[in-house]
Amino acid sequence: MDDLREKYISLIAEAADEATLEDLRVQAVGKKGEVSLQMRELGRMSPEERQVAGPALNALKDEINSALAAKKQALGDAALDERLRSEWLDVTLPARIRRQGTIHPVSQVTEEVTAVFADMGFAVAEGPQIESDWYNFDALNIPGHHPARAEMDTFYMARAKDDDRPPHVLRTHTSPVQIRSMQEHGAPIRIIAPGRVYRADYDQTHTPMFHQVEGLAIDRDISMANLKWCLEEFVKAFFEVDDVELRFRASHFPFTEPSAEVDIRCSWEGGTLKVGEGDDWLEILGSGMVHPKVLEAGKIDPNEWQGFAFGLGIDRIAMLKYGIPDLRAFFDSDLRWLRHYGFASLDVPTLHGGLSR
């Protein structure tokens, strides 16, 4: 047993890897190992001999197993040290040069629109994206039978069958922000309300979630002439052209009276949109004078105040200005698309410096 102890303790100490260590374990204490074979001989010994040899063999087995475990731990520690040395990183070194991030076209165009209207004295107003049925429809003079209130067009929030409270919806436009702003600030007021809106539609020019900006101006003597000037100035600044011609077509919106769709003169020569020239017309927004019932819902006296409102799709005008063919690509999270259409993160749109650079 002394020879076995000296042999295996020496071999275990010299083992260079875990595979060699496993071979030594099998040779020493495996089912057919030398120590195991010695223990099988105990049955042939006299009781007196077994009393001496048995404990000695068990002690030898325990000693070899302990040496194996200690060596395995030492090999593991050495491997970890080597890995840490090879993977060591000096965090004080300069970072690798990475490409700057880019601004999404929706964010860029929102900033461009905000810059244009801010120059005209419009403040930015925001509101919740989950709205009550009253703010989203009733306060805007949209009757209960209107198609926009159907579930095939509007996302209604789930509620318990015994819940008698008015339903809530994902807002279908940012017009509720106008109501909230009128209630909070009264008149006169001049705001734009950009933000996400939701409708149950999905194709090349429609998505279930998209972005709108709506404008509201209320004062004592505001007229359609003021609306026309405001929209003309916006189109010229946004599309960065010197002159533009707008066409107002009579329409119907429950929240404005009179109401008008607004077209811009343009051309599509060579597949490229050119604003302010050509013989084509392109519809870009809806507008009108605020309906008296909407003013009343905003706690403003319609006999004393009047105003105009308008709304346009941010995604749509982004497509027109920057030649983006498919609205769905705005929400695909494709970095290749964003690197192509994205904007430098430090280029802030300003009227004096240029909206798009």
Protein backbone atom coordinates (compact mmCIF):
# COMPACT_ATOMS: atom_id res chain seq x y z
CA MET A 1 0.00 0.00 0.00
CA ASP A 2 2.93 2.34 0.64
CA ASP A 3 4.12 1.72 -2.91
CA LEU A 4 0.61 2.44 -4.31
CA ARG A 5 0.38 5.63 -2.25
CA GLU A 6 3.73 6.92 -3.42
CA LYS A 7 3.03 5.94 -7.04
CA TYR A 8 -0.34 7.62 -7.43
CA ILE A 9 0.33 10.69 -5.29
CA SER A 10 3.39 11.34 -7.46
CA LEU A 11 1.51 10.75 -10.75
CA ILE A 12 -1.40 12.95 -9.65
CA ALA A 13 0.97 15.77 -8.76
CA GLU A 14 2.56 15.56 -12.21
CA ALA A 15 -0.77 15.41 -14.16
CA ALA A 16 -0.97 18.25 -16.69
CA ASP A 17 -4.65 18.15 -17.58
CA GLU A 18 -7.99 16.78 -16.48
CA ALA A 19 -7.95 13.96 -19.06
CA THR A 20 -4.73 12.56 -17.53
CA LEU A 21 -6.26 12.99 -14.08
CA GLU A 22 -9.30 10.94 -15.08
CA ASP A 23 -7.08 8.14 -16.39
CA LEU A 24 -5.24 8.02 -13.05
CA ARG A 25 -8.53 7.87 -11.16
CA VAL A 26 -9.64 4.86 -13.19
CA GLN A 27 -6.26 3.14 -12.71
CA ALA A 28 -6.25 3.71 -8.97
CA VAL A 29 -9.80 3.67 -7.58
CA GLY A 30 -11.92 2.62 -10.56
CA LYS A 31 -13.84 -0.66 -10.49
CA LYS A 32 -10.80 -2.43 -11.85
CA GLY A 33 -8.21 -0.10 -10.35
CA GLU A 34 -5.30 -1.26 -8.27
CA VAL A 35 -6.75 -0.11 -4.95
CA SER A 36 -10.10 -1.69 -5.78
CA LEU A 37 -8.39 -5.01 -6.61
CA GLN A 38 -6.55 -4.87 -3.27
CA MET A 39 -9.86 -4.40 -1.47
CA ARG A 40 -11.27 -7.50 -3.16
CA GLU A 41 -8.47 -9.49 -1.51
CA LEU A 42 -9.87 -8.70 1.92
CA GLY A 43 -12.26 -11.64 1.65
CA ARG A 44 -9.34 -14.07 1.52
CA MET A 45 -7.72 -12.70 4.67
CA SER A 46 -8.21 -13.84 8.23
CA PRO A 47 -10.33 -11.64 10.45
CA GLU A 48 -7.27 -10.32 12.19
CA GLU A 49 -5.64 -9.35 8.87
CA ARG A 50 -8.83 -7.68 7.64
CA GLN A 51 -8.98 -5.52 10.75
CA VAL A 52 -5.57 -4.13 9.83
CA ALA A 53 -5.71 -4.06 6.01
CA GLY A 54 -9.34 -2.84 5.64
CA PRO A 55 -8.93 0.57 7.37
CA ALA A 56 -5.57 1.05 5.68
CA LEU A 57 -7.03 0.47 2.20
CA ASN A 58 -9.98 2.80 2.92
CA ALA A 59 -7.57 5.47 4.12
CA LEU A 60 -5.49 5.01 0.96
CA LYS A 61 -8.58 5.31 -1.25
CA ASP A 62 -9.69 8.46 0.58
CA GLU A 63 -6.19 9.95 0.31
CA ILE A 64 -6.03 9.30 -3.47
CA ASN A 65 -9.55 10.71 -4.01
CA SER A 66 -8.60 13.82 -2.02
CA ALA A 67 -5.44 14.24 -4.07
CA LEU A 68 -7.46 13.87 -7.29
CA ALA A 69 -9.99 16.49 -6.17
CA ALA A 70 -7.30 18.92 -5.10
CA LYS A 71 -5.41 18.52 -8.37
CA LYS A 72 -8.61 18.97 -10.39
CA GLN A 73 -9.33 22.20 -8.50
CA ALA A 74 -5.77 23.39 -9.11
CA LEU A 75 -6.01 22.66 -12.84
CA GLY A 76 -9.32 24.54 -13.01
CA ASP A 77 -7.85 27.54 -11.22
CA ALA A 78 -4.85 27.55 -13.56
CA ALA A 79 -7.10 27.39 -16.62
CA LEU A 80 -9.19 30.30 -15.31
CA ASP A 81 -6.08 32.36 -14.64
CA GLU A 82 -4.85 31.72 -18.15
CA ARG A 83 -8.24 32.66 -19.61
CA LEU A 84 -8.34 35.85 -17.60
CA ARG A 85 -4.85 36.75 -18.80
CA SER A 86 -5.76 36.09 -22.44
CA GLU A 87 -9.10 37.92 -22.27
CA TRP A 88 -7.90 40.83 -20.17
CA LEU A 89 -9.05 44.24 -21.39
CA ASP A 90 -7.48 47.53 -20.50
CA VAL A 91 -10.53 49.73 -20.00
CA THR A 92 -8.32 52.81 -20.01
CA LEU A 93 -7.65 52.40 -23.72
CA PRO A 94 -9.64 54.61 -26.14
CA ALA A 95 -12.92 53.10 -27.28
CA ARG A 96 -13.16 51.69 -30.76
CA ILE A 97 -14.50 54.14 -33.29
CA ARG A 98 -18.18 53.42 -33.89
CA ARG A 99 -20.60 54.87 -36.40
CA GLN A 100 -22.79 57.59 -34.92
CA GLY A 101 -26.44 56.75 -34.48
CA THR A 102 -29.05 58.30 -36.77
CA ILE A 103 -32.37 60.00 -36.14
CA HIS A 104 -35.48 58.21 -37.41
CA PRO A 105 -37.28 60.11 -40.21
CA VAL A 106 -40.44 60.36 -38.07
CA SER A 107 -38.50 62.06 -35.28
CA GLN A 108 -36.72 64.29 -37.78
CA VAL A 109 -39.91 65.42 -39.52
CA THR A 110 -41.64 65.99 -36.17
CA GLU A 111 -38.81 68.33 -35.23
CA GLU A 112 -39.01 70.06 -38.63
CA VAL A 113 -42.77 70.63 -38.28
CA THR A 114 -42.29 71.88 -34.72
CA ALA A 115 -39.59 74.33 -35.85
CA VAL A 116 -41.83 75.77 -38.58
CA PHE A 117 -44.88 76.28 -36.37
CA ALA A 118 -42.79 77.50 -33.42
CA ASP A 119 -41.67 80.34 -35.68
CA MET A 120 -45.35 81.25 -36.10
CA GLY A 121 -45.92 81.28 -32.34
CA PHE A 122 -47.40 77.80 -31.85
CA ALA A 123 -46.57 75.92 -28.65
CA VAL A 124 -46.33 72.12 -28.49
CA ALA A 125 -49.03 70.32 -26.49
CA GLU A 126 -49.18 66.64 -25.51
CA GLY A 127 -51.77 64.28 -24.09
CA PRO A 128 -52.41 60.62 -23.19
CA GLN A 129 -52.47 57.96 -25.90
CA ILE A 130 -55.27 56.08 -24.11
CA GLU A 131 -58.28 58.37 -24.16
CA SER A 132 -61.82 58.25 -22.89
CA ASP A 133 -64.58 57.82 -25.44
CA TRP A 134 -65.74 61.33 -24.57
CA TYR A 135 -62.44 63.09 -25.33
CA ASN A 136 -61.80 61.06 -28.48
CA PHE A 137 -65.29 61.34 -29.99
CA ASP A 138 -68.05 63.17 -28.09
CA ALA A 139 -66.09 66.34 -27.32
CA LEU A 140 -65.18 66.55 -31.02
CA ASN A 141 -68.81 66.46 -32.14
CA ILE A 142 -68.48 62.93 -33.57
CA PRO A 143 -71.94 61.30 -33.26
CA GLY A 144 -72.52 57.81 -31.91
CA HIS A 145 -73.40 56.39 -35.34
CA HIS A 146 -70.23 57.70 -37.02
CA PRO A 147 -68.20 54.91 -38.75
CA ALA A 148 -65.03 55.98 -36.94
CA ARG A 149 -66.56 54.73 -33.68
CA ALA A 150 -66.96 51.18 -35.00
CA GLU A 151 -64.64 48.47 -33.62
CA MET A 152 -63.41 47.71 -37.14
CA ASP A 153 -61.84 51.18 -37.23
CA THR A 154 -60.97 51.95 -33.58
CA PHE A 155 -59.08 49.98 -30.92
CA TYR A 156 -61.24 49.80 -27.79
CA MET A 157 -59.68 48.86 -24.46
CA ALA A 158 -60.91 45.63 -22.85
CA ARG A 159 -63.10 45.98 -19.76
CA ALA A 160 -65.19 43.80 -17.46
CA LYS A 161 -68.75 43.02 -18.48
CA ASP A 162 -70.12 44.66 -15.33
CA ASP A 163 -68.03 47.83 -15.82
CA ASP A 164 -70.48 50.68 -16.45
CA ARG A 165 -67.83 53.34 -17.00
CA PRO A 166 -67.50 54.91 -20.49
CA PRO A 167 -65.13 52.94 -22.73
CA HIS A 168 -61.52 53.93 -23.36
CA VAL A 169 -59.77 53.78 -26.74
CA LEU A 170 -56.33 54.09 -28.24
CA ARG A 171 -56.70 57.62 -29.56
CA THR A 172 -57.51 57.76 -33.26
CA HIS A 173 -56.16 61.31 -33.65
CA THR A 174 -54.42 63.93 -31.52
CA SER A 175 -57.55 66.11 -31.47
CA PRO A 176 -58.27 65.19 -27.81
CA VAL A 177 -55.13 67.15 -26.96
CA GLN A 178 -56.86 70.24 -28.36
CA ILE A 179 -59.83 69.74 -26.03
CA ARG A 180 -57.58 69.24 -23.01
CA SER A 181 -55.51 72.30 -23.91
CA MET A 182 -58.60 74.49 -24.30
CA GLN A 183 -59.93 73.29 -20.95
CA GLU A 184 -56.61 73.95 -19.24
CA HIS A 185 -55.52 77.22 -20.85
CA GLY A 186 -58.68 78.75 -22.31
CA ALA A 187 -58.50 81.33 -25.10
CA PRO A 188 -56.61 82.75 -26.86
CA ILE A 189 -54.52 79.71 -27.66
CA ARG A 190 -52.16 78.59 -30.40
CA ILE A 191 -50.81 75.02 -30.24
CA ILE A 192 -49.73 72.05 -32.31
CA ALA A 193 -50.22 68.48 -31.02
CA PRO A 194 -47.84 65.91 -32.53
CA GLY A 195 -47.94 62.28 -31.46
CA ARG A 196 -48.82 58.64 -32.05
CA VAL A 197 -52.33 57.64 -33.06
CA TYR A 198 -53.94 54.26 -33.72
CA ARG A 199 -56.42 52.88 -36.26
CA ALA A 200 -57.26 49.36 -37.41
CA ASP A 201 -55.73 49.48 -40.89
CA TYR A 202 -52.60 48.05 -42.52
CA ASP A 203 -51.30 48.33 -46.10
CA GLN A 204 -48.66 50.22 -48.10
CA THR A 205 -50.01 53.62 -47.03
CA HIS A 206 -51.66 52.71 -43.69
CA THR A 207 -50.38 51.18 -40.46
CA PRO A 208 -52.19 50.42 -37.16
CA MET A 209 -49.96 52.97 -35.41
CA PHE A 210 -48.82 56.14 -37.12
CA HIS A 211 -48.05 59.78 -36.32
CA GLN A 212 -50.07 62.95 -36.71
CA VAL A 213 -49.68 66.61 -35.95
CA GLU A 214 -52.73 68.79 -35.45
CA GLY A 215 -52.86 72.53 -35.08
CA LEU A 216 -55.28 74.81 -33.26
CA ALA A 217 -55.48 78.60 -33.14
CA ILE A 218 -58.27 80.44 -31.30
CA ASP A 219 -58.74 84.19 -30.98
CA ARG A 220 -61.47 86.77 -31.45
CA ASP A 221 -61.04 87.57 -35.16
CA ILE A 222 -59.45 84.45 -36.70
CA SER A 223 -60.78 83.50 -40.13
CA MET A 224 -60.18 81.08 -43.02
CA ALA A 225 -57.81 83.67 -44.47
CA ASN A 226 -55.54 83.22 -41.44
CA LEU A 227 -55.71 79.45 -41.90
CA LYS A 228 -54.77 79.75 -45.58
CA TRP A 229 -51.77 81.97 -44.82
CA CYS A 230 -50.60 79.70 -42.01
CA LEU A 231 -50.72 76.56 -44.19
CA GLU A 232 -49.04 78.29 -47.14
CA GLU A 233 -46.17 79.42 -44.94
CA PHE A 234 -45.85 75.94 -43.47
CA VAL A 235 -45.73 74.19 -46.85
CA LYS A 236 -43.15 76.63 -48.22
CA ALA A 237 -40.93 76.25 -45.16
CA PHE A 238 -41.31 72.49 -44.81
CA PHE A 239 -40.71 71.61 -48.47
CA GLU A 240 -38.16 74.44 -48.71
CA VAL A 241 -39.63 76.11 -51.80
CA ASP A 242 -40.07 79.80 -52.55
CA ASP A 243 -43.65 79.64 -53.75
CA VAL A 244 -46.56 77.24 -53.45
CA GLU A 245 -50.19 77.14 -54.53
CA LEU A 246 -52.82 75.59 -52.28
CA ARG A 247 -56.28 74.46 -53.31
CA PHE A 248 -59.06 74.25 -50.72
CA ARG A 249 -61.83 71.77 -51.48
CA ALA A 250 -65.04 71.75 -49.48
CA SER A 251 -65.30 68.69 -47.27
CA HIS A 252 -66.93 67.55 -44.04
CA PHE A 253 -65.37 66.89 -40.65
CA PRO A 254 -67.58 66.74 -37.54
CA PHE A 255 -65.23 68.99 -35.56
CA THR A 256 -64.92 71.86 -38.08
CA GLU A 257 -67.43 74.00 -39.97
CA PRO A 258 -66.74 74.93 -42.69
CA SER A 259 -64.27 72.14 -43.48
CA ALA A 260 -61.77 71.82 -46.31
CA GLU A 261 -59.31 69.34 -47.76
CA VAL A 262 -56.10 71.06 -48.79
CA ASP A 263 -54.16 70.16 -51.96
CA ILE A 264 -50.79 71.47 -53.13
CA ARG A 265 -49.79 72.05 -56.74
CA CYS A 266 -46.99 69.70 -57.72
CA SER A 267 -45.45 67.59 -60.44
CA TRP A 268 -44.25 63.98 -60.51
CA GLU A 269 -41.81 64.36 -63.36
CA GLY A 270 -39.35 61.48 -63.38
CA GLY A 271 -41.08 59.95 -60.37
CA THR A 272 -39.84 62.79 -58.14
CA LEU A 273 -42.24 65.08 -56.29
CA LYS A 274 -41.71 68.76 -56.97
CA VAL A 275 -43.87 71.07 -54.89
CA GLY A 276 -45.09 74.39 -56.26
CA GLU A 277 -44.87 73.55 -59.96
CA GLY A 278 -46.57 71.36 -62.55
CA ASP A 279 -50.20 70.55 -63.27
CA ASP A 280 -50.89 67.88 -60.64
CA TRP A 281 -52.52 68.29 -57.25
CA LEU A 282 -51.74 66.33 -54.09
CA GLU A 283 -53.97 66.21 -51.02
CA ILE A 284 -51.90 66.65 -47.85
CA LEU A 285 -54.20 67.62 -44.96
CA GLY A 286 -57.65 68.43 -43.65
CA SER A 287 -58.63 71.71 -42.03
CA GLY A 288 -61.45 74.08 -41.17
CA MET A 289 -62.94 76.48 -38.64
CA VAL A 290 -63.48 74.95 -35.21
CA HIS A 291 -67.09 73.85 -34.69
CA PRO A 292 -68.93 75.79 -31.95
CA LYS A 293 -69.76 72.53 -30.12
CA VAL A 294 -66.04 71.70 -29.96
CA LEU A 295 -65.35 75.12 -28.44
CA GLU A 296 -68.08 74.50 -25.87
CA ALA A 297 -66.56 71.12 -24.99
CA GLY A 298 -63.27 72.96 -24.42
CA LYS A 299 -65.10 75.41 -22.09
CA ILE A 300 -64.69 78.32 -24.50
CA ASP A 301 -67.60 80.60 -25.42
CA PRO A 302 -68.22 80.25 -29.20
CA ASN A 303 -70.04 83.60 -29.23
CA GLU A 304 -66.85 85.37 -28.18
CA TRP A 305 -64.09 83.24 -29.71
CA GLN A 306 -63.43 81.43 -32.97
CA GLY A 307 -60.52 79.64 -34.51
CA PHE A 308 -59.15 77.19 -37.05
CA ALA A 309 -57.76 73.67 -36.82
CA PHE A 310 -55.87 71.37 -39.16
CA GLY A 311 -54.32 67.92 -39.13
CA LEU A 312 -51.78 66.07 -41.25
CA GLY A 313 -49.89 62.79 -41.13
CA ILE A 314 -46.22 63.09 -40.15
CA ASP A 315 -45.35 59.77 -41.77
CA ARG A 316 -47.09 60.80 -44.99
CA ILE A 317 -45.29 64.11 -45.39
CA ALA A 318 -42.02 62.38 -44.51
CA MET A 319 -42.63 59.95 -47.38
CA LEU A 320 -43.39 62.84 -49.75
CA LYS A 321 -40.42 64.98 -48.80
CA TYR A 322 -37.78 62.26 -48.61
CA GLY A 323 -39.02 59.84 -51.28
CA ILE A 324 -39.84 56.91 -48.99
CA PRO A 325 -42.07 54.50 -50.95
CA ASP A 326 -43.65 52.29 -48.25
CA LEU A 327 -45.11 53.45 -44.94
CA ARG A 328 -44.65 50.00 -43.36
CA ALA A 329 -40.86 50.33 -43.59
CA PHE A 330 -41.03 53.07 -40.92
CA PHE A 331 -41.79 50.39 -38.31
CA ASP A 332 -39.74 47.38 -39.53
CA SER A 333 -36.70 48.16 -37.31
CA ASP A 334 -34.37 47.55 -40.26
CA LEU A 335 -31.03 49.22 -39.51
CA ARG A 336 -30.11 49.21 -43.19
CA TRP A 337 -33.22 51.28 -43.92
CA LEU A 338 -32.49 53.65 -41.06
CA ARG A 339 -28.87 54.13 -42.15
CA HIS A 340 -30.15 55.04 -45.62
CA TYR A 341 -32.98 57.37 -44.59
CA GLY A 342 -31.79 58.41 -41.13
CA PHE A 343 -30.53 61.86 -40.18
CA ALA A 344 -27.40 62.95 -38.35
CA SER A 345 -28.13 63.08 -34.64
CA LEU A 346 -26.57 66.51 -34.10
CA ASP A 347 -28.29 68.30 -36.99
CA VAL A 348 -31.15 70.11 -35.25
CA PRO A 349 -33.74 71.51 -37.71
CA THR A 350 -33.99 75.30 -37.63
CA LEU A 351 -35.49 77.78 -40.06
CA HIS A 352 -32.35 79.93 -40.22
CA GLY A 353 -30.01 76.96 -40.59
CA GLY A 354 -32.21 74.77 -42.77
CA LEU A 355 -34.69 72.08 -41.83
CA SER A 356 -32.99 69.20 -43.65
CA ARG A 357 -29.22 69.26 -44.11
